[in-house]
Amino acid sequence: MKIEKERHLLLQEIYQKDRWKLLVCCMMLNQTTRTQVDQVRLEFFKKWPTPELASKANLRDMANVIKSLGLMNRRSAAIKKMSEQYVLGEWEKAIDLYGIGQYGQDSWSIFIDGNLNIKPLDKELKKYMVRIGAQIND
């Protein structure tokens, strides 16, 4: 029921106030679909609601929760490593964190930093920018 109410929002909009969860969602969305992520994200965040807990997670347990996304071993190891770095705080930009690419950095810039002067490559981020009236010059 909760997911149905949120379906019209980007995950970044939903998790805008929880920076770590926003990044985890970006990692989950890599090479998969929003529908697939919606099937696992609530359970994932119930088991690991904080970066501290995710950084100490059993990789096999995490992989089992996100199995349906594909690349479960690689993805769970990346989320755990990113969470460890996130907790240490020795990073300046989101892209400095393990497993966070340009999509994650663009999401951070838009939803955390409030920077609407970027030109995201991702089609969903572009649609969001148009929806909110940001000027995108291609």
N, C-alpha and C. Protein backbone atom coordinates (compact mmCIF):
# COMPACT_ATOMS: atom_id res chain seq x y z
N MET A 1 0.83 -1.19 0.00
CA MET A 1 0.00 0.00 0.00
C MET A 1 0.88 1.26 0.00
N LYS A 2 1.90 1.30 0.86
CA LYS A 2 2.79 2.45 0.92
C LYS A 2 3.48 2.66 -0.42
N ILE A 3 3.93 1.57 -1.03
CA ILE A 3 4.63 1.67 -2.31
C ILE A 3 3.71 2.24 -3.38
N GLU A 4 2.45 1.87 -3.38
CA GLU A 4 1.51 2.39 -4.37
C GLU A 4 1.40 3.91 -4.27
N LYS A 5 1.37 4.45 -3.07
CA LYS A 5 1.27 5.90 -2.87
C LYS A 5 2.53 6.61 -3.35
N GLU A 6 3.66 5.92 -3.30
CA GLU A 6 4.94 6.53 -3.64
C GLU A 6 5.34 6.32 -5.10
N ARG A 7 4.58 5.54 -5.84
CA ARG A 7 5.00 5.12 -7.18
C ARG A 7 5.26 6.29 -8.12
N HIS A 8 4.56 7.40 -7.95
CA HIS A 8 4.76 8.54 -8.85
C HIS A 8 5.97 9.39 -8.47
N LEU A 9 6.59 9.10 -7.34
CA LEU A 9 7.78 9.82 -6.89
C LEU A 9 9.04 9.04 -7.23
N LEU A 10 10.12 9.75 -7.49
CA LEU A 10 11.42 9.08 -7.60
C LEU A 10 11.83 8.62 -6.20
N LEU A 11 12.60 7.56 -6.13
CA LEU A 11 13.09 7.10 -4.82
C LEU A 11 13.91 8.20 -4.15
N GLN A 12 14.60 9.00 -4.93
CA GLN A 12 15.39 10.10 -4.37
C GLN A 12 14.48 11.12 -3.66
N GLU A 13 13.27 11.32 -4.17
CA GLU A 13 12.33 12.22 -3.52
C GLU A 13 11.87 11.62 -2.19
N ILE A 14 11.63 10.33 -2.20
CA ILE A 14 11.15 9.63 -1.00
C ILE A 14 12.21 9.65 0.09
N TYR A 15 13.46 9.45 -0.28
CA TYR A 15 14.54 9.35 0.71
C TYR A 15 15.41 10.60 0.78
N GLN A 16 14.89 11.71 0.35
CA GLN A 16 15.64 12.96 0.33
C GLN A 16 16.16 13.36 1.72
N LYS A 17 15.42 13.03 2.75
CA LYS A 17 15.83 13.41 4.11
C LYS A 17 16.75 12.38 4.75
N ASP A 18 16.98 11.26 4.09
CA ASP A 18 17.90 10.24 4.60
C ASP A 18 18.95 9.97 3.52
N ARG A 19 20.03 10.68 3.63
CA ARG A 19 21.06 10.70 2.59
C ARG A 19 21.62 9.32 2.26
N TRP A 20 21.86 8.53 3.29
CA TRP A 20 22.41 7.20 3.06
C TRP A 20 21.42 6.32 2.30
N LYS A 21 20.15 6.36 2.68
CA LYS A 21 19.14 5.56 1.99
C LYS A 21 19.00 5.99 0.54
N LEU A 22 19.12 7.28 0.27
CA LEU A 22 19.08 7.77 -1.09
C LEU A 22 20.20 7.11 -1.91
N LEU A 23 21.40 7.06 -1.34
CA LEU A 23 22.52 6.45 -2.05
C LEU A 23 22.32 4.95 -2.25
N VAL A 24 21.81 4.27 -1.24
CA VAL A 24 21.54 2.83 -1.37
C VAL A 24 20.54 2.59 -2.50
N CYS A 25 19.51 3.42 -2.56
CA CYS A 25 18.53 3.27 -3.64
C CYS A 25 19.18 3.47 -5.01
N CYS A 26 20.08 4.43 -5.12
CA CYS A 26 20.79 4.64 -6.39
C CYS A 26 21.58 3.38 -6.75
N MET A 27 22.21 2.76 -5.77
CA MET A 27 22.96 1.54 -6.02
C MET A 27 22.03 0.40 -6.41
N MET A 28 20.89 0.32 -5.77
CA MET A 28 19.93 -0.74 -6.10
C MET A 28 19.38 -0.56 -7.51
N LEU A 29 19.20 0.69 -7.92
CA LEU A 29 18.63 0.96 -9.24
C LEU A 29 19.61 0.70 -10.38
N ASN A 30 20.87 0.53 -10.07
CA ASN A 30 21.87 0.29 -11.10
C ASN A 30 21.58 -1.05 -11.80
N GLN A 31 21.37 -0.99 -13.09
CA GLN A 31 21.12 -2.16 -13.94
C GLN A 31 19.87 -2.95 -13.53
N THR A 32 18.87 -2.24 -13.03
CA THR A 32 17.60 -2.90 -12.70
C THR A 32 16.48 -1.87 -12.81
N THR A 33 15.29 -2.24 -12.42
CA THR A 33 14.15 -1.34 -12.56
C THR A 33 13.60 -0.90 -11.21
N ARG A 34 12.85 0.16 -11.24
CA ARG A 34 12.20 0.67 -10.03
C ARG A 34 11.26 -0.39 -9.46
N THR A 35 10.55 -1.08 -10.31
CA THR A 35 9.62 -2.12 -9.85
C THR A 35 10.36 -3.20 -9.07
N GLN A 36 11.53 -3.61 -9.56
CA GLN A 36 12.32 -4.62 -8.86
C GLN A 36 12.82 -4.07 -7.51
N VAL A 37 13.27 -2.84 -7.49
CA VAL A 37 13.77 -2.24 -6.26
C VAL A 37 12.64 -2.12 -5.23
N ASP A 38 11.46 -1.73 -5.69
CA ASP A 38 10.31 -1.61 -4.77
C ASP A 38 10.00 -2.94 -4.08
N GLN A 39 10.32 -4.05 -4.71
CA GLN A 39 10.04 -5.36 -4.13
C GLN A 39 10.98 -5.70 -2.97
N VAL A 40 12.11 -4.99 -2.85
CA VAL A 40 13.08 -5.35 -1.81
C VAL A 40 13.43 -4.21 -0.85
N ARG A 41 13.22 -2.97 -1.25
CA ARG A 41 13.77 -1.86 -0.46
C ARG A 41 13.19 -1.74 0.95
N LEU A 42 11.91 -1.97 1.13
CA LEU A 42 11.33 -1.84 2.47
C LEU A 42 11.88 -2.90 3.42
N GLU A 43 12.01 -4.13 2.93
CA GLU A 43 12.60 -5.19 3.75
C GLU A 43 14.07 -4.88 4.04
N PHE A 44 14.78 -4.40 3.03
CA PHE A 44 16.19 -4.05 3.21
C PHE A 44 16.33 -3.00 4.31
N PHE A 45 15.56 -1.92 4.22
CA PHE A 45 15.68 -0.84 5.20
C PHE A 45 15.10 -1.20 6.57
N LYS A 46 14.26 -2.22 6.61
CA LYS A 46 13.79 -2.71 7.91
C LYS A 46 14.92 -3.46 8.61
N LYS A 47 15.68 -4.26 7.85
CA LYS A 47 16.79 -5.02 8.43
C LYS A 47 18.01 -4.14 8.70
N TRP A 48 18.25 -3.19 7.80
CA TRP A 48 19.43 -2.31 7.91
C TRP A 48 18.98 -0.86 7.75
N PRO A 49 18.41 -0.28 8.80
CA PRO A 49 17.88 1.08 8.71
C PRO A 49 18.94 2.19 8.75
N THR A 50 20.17 1.83 9.08
CA THR A 50 21.22 2.84 9.20
C THR A 50 22.50 2.36 8.51
N PRO A 51 23.36 3.29 8.15
CA PRO A 51 24.62 2.87 7.54
C PRO A 51 25.49 2.09 8.53
N GLU A 52 25.37 2.38 9.80
CA GLU A 52 26.14 1.64 10.81
C GLU A 52 25.77 0.16 10.80
N LEU A 53 24.48 -0.12 10.76
CA LEU A 53 24.03 -1.52 10.73
C LEU A 53 24.39 -2.19 9.41
N ALA A 54 24.25 -1.48 8.31
CA ALA A 54 24.58 -2.06 7.00
C ALA A 54 26.07 -2.33 6.89
N SER A 55 26.88 -1.50 7.52
CA SER A 55 28.33 -1.69 7.44
C SER A 55 28.78 -2.94 8.20
N LYS A 56 27.93 -3.43 9.08
CA LYS A 56 28.25 -4.62 9.87
C LYS A 56 27.42 -5.84 9.44
N ALA A 57 26.67 -5.68 8.37
CA ALA A 57 25.76 -6.74 7.92
C ALA A 57 26.51 -7.98 7.46
N ASN A 58 25.86 -9.11 7.62
CA ASN A 58 26.34 -10.36 7.05
C ASN A 58 26.04 -10.31 5.55
N LEU A 59 27.07 -10.47 4.74
CA LEU A 59 26.89 -10.33 3.29
C LEU A 59 25.91 -11.35 2.72
N ARG A 60 25.90 -12.55 3.26
CA ARG A 60 24.98 -13.56 2.77
C ARG A 60 23.53 -13.16 3.06
N ASP A 61 23.29 -12.62 4.25
CA ASP A 61 21.93 -12.15 4.59
C ASP A 61 21.50 -11.02 3.67
N MET A 62 22.42 -10.07 3.45
CA MET A 62 22.09 -8.93 2.59
C MET A 62 21.84 -9.41 1.16
N ALA A 63 22.67 -10.29 0.68
CA ALA A 63 22.51 -10.82 -0.68
C ALA A 63 21.17 -11.51 -0.84
N ASN A 64 20.74 -12.23 0.18
CA ASN A 64 19.44 -12.91 0.10
C ASN A 64 18.28 -11.93 0.00
N VAL A 65 18.39 -10.82 0.68
CA VAL A 65 17.31 -9.83 0.63
C VAL A 65 17.22 -9.17 -0.74
N ILE A 66 18.35 -8.91 -1.36
CA ILE A 66 18.35 -8.20 -2.64
C ILE A 66 18.55 -9.13 -3.84
N LYS A 67 18.43 -10.41 -3.61
CA LYS A 67 18.66 -11.43 -4.65
C LYS A 67 17.92 -11.14 -5.95
N SER A 68 16.68 -10.70 -5.86
CA SER A 68 15.87 -10.50 -7.06
C SER A 68 16.36 -9.35 -7.94
N LEU A 69 17.26 -8.52 -7.43
CA LEU A 69 17.81 -7.41 -8.23
C LEU A 69 18.89 -7.88 -9.19
N GLY A 70 19.41 -9.09 -8.95
CA GLY A 70 20.53 -9.57 -9.74
C GLY A 70 21.84 -9.07 -9.15
N LEU A 71 22.93 -9.71 -9.54
CA LEU A 71 24.25 -9.33 -9.06
C LEU A 71 24.29 -9.23 -7.54
N MET A 72 23.59 -10.14 -6.87
CA MET A 72 23.36 -10.01 -5.42
C MET A 72 24.65 -9.98 -4.61
N ASN A 73 25.62 -10.79 -4.94
CA ASN A 73 26.87 -10.80 -4.17
C ASN A 73 27.67 -9.51 -4.38
N ARG A 74 27.79 -9.13 -5.62
CA ARG A 74 28.53 -7.90 -5.94
C ARG A 74 27.83 -6.67 -5.36
N ARG A 75 26.50 -6.63 -5.53
CA ARG A 75 25.73 -5.48 -5.07
C ARG A 75 25.75 -5.37 -3.54
N SER A 76 25.60 -6.49 -2.83
CA SER A 76 25.61 -6.43 -1.36
C SER A 76 26.99 -6.04 -0.84
N ALA A 77 28.05 -6.54 -1.47
CA ALA A 77 29.41 -6.16 -1.06
C ALA A 77 29.63 -4.66 -1.29
N ALA A 78 29.12 -4.14 -2.39
CA ALA A 78 29.27 -2.72 -2.69
C ALA A 78 28.49 -1.86 -1.70
N ILE A 79 27.28 -2.26 -1.38
CA ILE A 79 26.48 -1.50 -0.41
C ILE A 79 27.15 -1.50 0.95
N LYS A 80 27.66 -2.65 1.34
CA LYS A 80 28.33 -2.74 2.65
C LYS A 80 29.58 -1.85 2.67
N LYS A 81 30.39 -1.92 1.62
CA LYS A 81 31.61 -1.11 1.57
C LYS A 81 31.28 0.38 1.54
N MET A 82 30.28 0.77 0.75
CA MET A 82 29.87 2.17 0.70
C MET A 82 29.41 2.62 2.08
N SER A 83 28.66 1.77 2.77
CA SER A 83 28.15 2.10 4.11
C SER A 83 29.30 2.29 5.11
N GLU A 84 30.32 1.44 5.01
CA GLU A 84 31.49 1.57 5.87
C GLU A 84 32.16 2.93 5.66
N GLN A 85 32.35 3.30 4.40
CA GLN A 85 32.97 4.59 4.08
C GLN A 85 32.08 5.75 4.52
N TYR A 86 30.77 5.58 4.32
CA TYR A 86 29.82 6.63 4.70
C TYR A 86 29.94 6.92 6.19
N VAL A 87 30.00 5.86 6.99
CA VAL A 87 30.09 6.00 8.45
C VAL A 87 31.40 6.69 8.85
N LEU A 88 32.48 6.34 8.20
CA LEU A 88 33.78 6.95 8.52
C LEU A 88 33.80 8.45 8.22
N GLY A 89 33.00 8.86 7.26
CA GLY A 89 32.89 10.28 6.94
C GLY A 89 34.10 10.88 6.24
N GLU A 90 34.97 10.06 5.73
CA GLU A 90 36.18 10.56 5.06
C GLU A 90 35.95 10.69 3.56
N TRP A 91 34.94 11.43 3.20
CA TRP A 91 34.59 11.65 1.81
C TRP A 91 33.98 13.04 1.69
N GLU A 92 34.13 13.63 0.54
CA GLU A 92 33.60 14.98 0.34
C GLU A 92 32.37 14.98 -0.55
N LYS A 93 32.42 14.22 -1.63
CA LYS A 93 31.30 14.15 -2.56
C LYS A 93 30.79 12.72 -2.60
N ALA A 94 29.54 12.56 -2.94
CA ALA A 94 28.95 11.22 -3.01
C ALA A 94 29.75 10.30 -3.92
N ILE A 95 30.24 10.83 -5.01
CA ILE A 95 30.97 10.01 -5.98
C ILE A 95 32.28 9.48 -5.40
N ASP A 96 32.74 10.04 -4.29
CA ASP A 96 33.94 9.54 -3.60
C ASP A 96 33.69 8.20 -2.92
N LEU A 97 32.43 7.88 -2.68
CA LEU A 97 32.06 6.64 -2.00
C LEU A 97 32.08 5.47 -2.98
N TYR A 98 32.49 4.31 -2.47
CA TYR A 98 32.56 3.10 -3.27
C TYR A 98 31.20 2.78 -3.88
N GLY A 99 31.18 2.51 -5.17
CA GLY A 99 29.96 2.09 -5.84
C GLY A 99 29.02 3.20 -6.24
N ILE A 100 29.37 4.44 -5.95
CA ILE A 100 28.53 5.57 -6.33
C ILE A 100 29.11 6.19 -7.59
N GLY A 101 28.35 6.12 -8.65
CA GLY A 101 28.79 6.67 -9.92
C GLY A 101 28.14 8.02 -10.18
N GLN A 102 28.11 8.38 -11.45
CA GLN A 102 27.58 9.69 -11.83
C GLN A 102 26.10 9.83 -11.49
N TYR A 103 25.34 8.76 -11.65
CA TYR A 103 23.90 8.79 -11.32
C TYR A 103 23.71 9.12 -9.84
N GLY A 104 24.46 8.48 -8.98
CA GLY A 104 24.37 8.75 -7.55
C GLY A 104 24.82 10.16 -7.23
N GLN A 105 25.89 10.62 -7.88
CA GLN A 105 26.37 11.99 -7.65
C GLN A 105 25.34 13.01 -8.13
N ASP A 106 24.76 12.78 -9.30
CA ASP A 106 23.73 13.70 -9.81
C ASP A 106 22.52 13.71 -8.88
N SER A 107 22.13 12.55 -8.39
CA SER A 107 21.00 12.47 -7.46
C SER A 107 21.30 13.26 -6.19
N TRP A 108 22.51 13.10 -5.67
CA TRP A 108 22.93 13.83 -4.46
C TRP A 108 22.90 15.34 -4.73
N SER A 109 23.46 15.74 -5.87
CA SER A 109 23.51 17.17 -6.20
C SER A 109 22.11 17.78 -6.25
N ILE A 110 21.18 17.06 -6.87
CA ILE A 110 19.83 17.58 -7.02
C ILE A 110 19.06 17.53 -5.70
N PHE A 111 19.03 16.38 -5.06
CA PHE A 111 18.12 16.17 -3.93
C PHE A 111 18.71 16.53 -2.57
N ILE A 112 20.01 16.51 -2.43
CA ILE A 112 20.64 16.85 -1.15
C ILE A 112 21.19 18.27 -1.19
N ASP A 113 21.95 18.58 -2.23
CA ASP A 113 22.55 19.91 -2.33
C ASP A 113 21.59 20.95 -2.91
N GLY A 114 20.51 20.48 -3.53
CA GLY A 114 19.55 21.41 -4.13
C GLY A 114 20.10 22.12 -5.37
N ASN A 115 21.06 21.51 -6.01
CA ASN A 115 21.68 22.10 -7.20
C ASN A 115 20.85 21.73 -8.43
N LEU A 116 20.15 22.70 -8.96
CA LEU A 116 19.33 22.47 -10.15
C LEU A 116 20.01 22.95 -11.41
N ASN A 117 21.29 23.26 -11.31
CA ASN A 117 22.05 23.74 -12.46
C ASN A 117 22.92 22.65 -13.08
N ILE A 118 22.60 21.39 -12.79
CA ILE A 118 23.38 20.30 -13.38
C ILE A 118 22.62 19.73 -14.57
N LYS A 119 23.32 18.98 -15.38
CA LYS A 119 22.73 18.33 -16.55
C LYS A 119 22.84 16.82 -16.37
N PRO A 120 21.87 16.22 -15.70
CA PRO A 120 21.96 14.77 -15.48
C PRO A 120 21.85 14.01 -16.79
N LEU A 121 22.51 12.87 -16.82
CA LEU A 121 22.46 12.01 -18.00
C LEU A 121 21.26 11.06 -17.94
N ASP A 122 20.85 10.70 -16.74
CA ASP A 122 19.77 9.74 -16.54
C ASP A 122 18.42 10.32 -16.98
N LYS A 123 17.66 9.52 -17.73
CA LYS A 123 16.38 10.00 -18.26
C LYS A 123 15.37 10.32 -17.17
N GLU A 124 15.34 9.56 -16.09
CA GLU A 124 14.38 9.83 -15.01
C GLU A 124 14.74 11.11 -14.27
N LEU A 125 16.03 11.35 -14.07
CA LEU A 125 16.45 12.60 -13.45
C LEU A 125 16.14 13.79 -14.36
N LYS A 126 16.32 13.60 -15.66
CA LYS A 126 15.97 14.66 -16.61
C LYS A 126 14.47 14.97 -16.54
N LYS A 127 13.64 13.93 -16.51
CA LYS A 127 12.18 14.12 -16.42
C LYS A 127 11.83 14.87 -15.13
N TYR A 128 12.49 14.52 -14.04
CA TYR A 128 12.24 15.20 -12.76
C TYR A 128 12.57 16.68 -12.89
N MET A 129 13.71 16.99 -13.48
CA MET A 129 14.13 18.38 -13.64
C MET A 129 13.11 19.16 -14.45
N VAL A 130 12.58 18.55 -15.51
CA VAL A 130 11.55 19.19 -16.32
C VAL A 130 10.28 19.38 -15.49
N ARG A 131 9.91 18.35 -14.72
CA ARG A 131 8.69 18.41 -13.90
C ARG A 131 8.74 19.55 -12.90
N ILE A 132 9.90 19.82 -12.33
CA ILE A 132 9.97 20.89 -11.33
C ILE A 132 10.30 22.24 -11.96
N GLY A 133 10.46 22.25 -13.27
CA GLY A 133 10.68 23.52 -13.96
C GLY A 133 12.13 23.98 -14.00
N ALA A 134 13.07 23.08 -13.76
CA ALA A 134 14.47 23.46 -13.85
C ALA A 134 14.86 23.62 -15.32
N GLN A 135 15.74 24.53 -15.59
CA GLN A 135 16.20 24.76 -16.95
C GLN A 135 17.33 23.80 -17.28
N ILE A 136 17.11 22.94 -18.25
CA ILE A 136 18.16 22.01 -18.69
C ILE A 136 18.53 22.39 -20.11
N ASN A 137 19.75 22.79 -20.28
CA ASN A 137 20.25 23.15 -21.61
C ASN A 137 21.12 22.01 -22.13
N ASP A 138 20.60 21.27 -23.10
CA ASP A 138 21.37 20.14 -23.65
C ASP A 138 22.42 20.58 -24.61
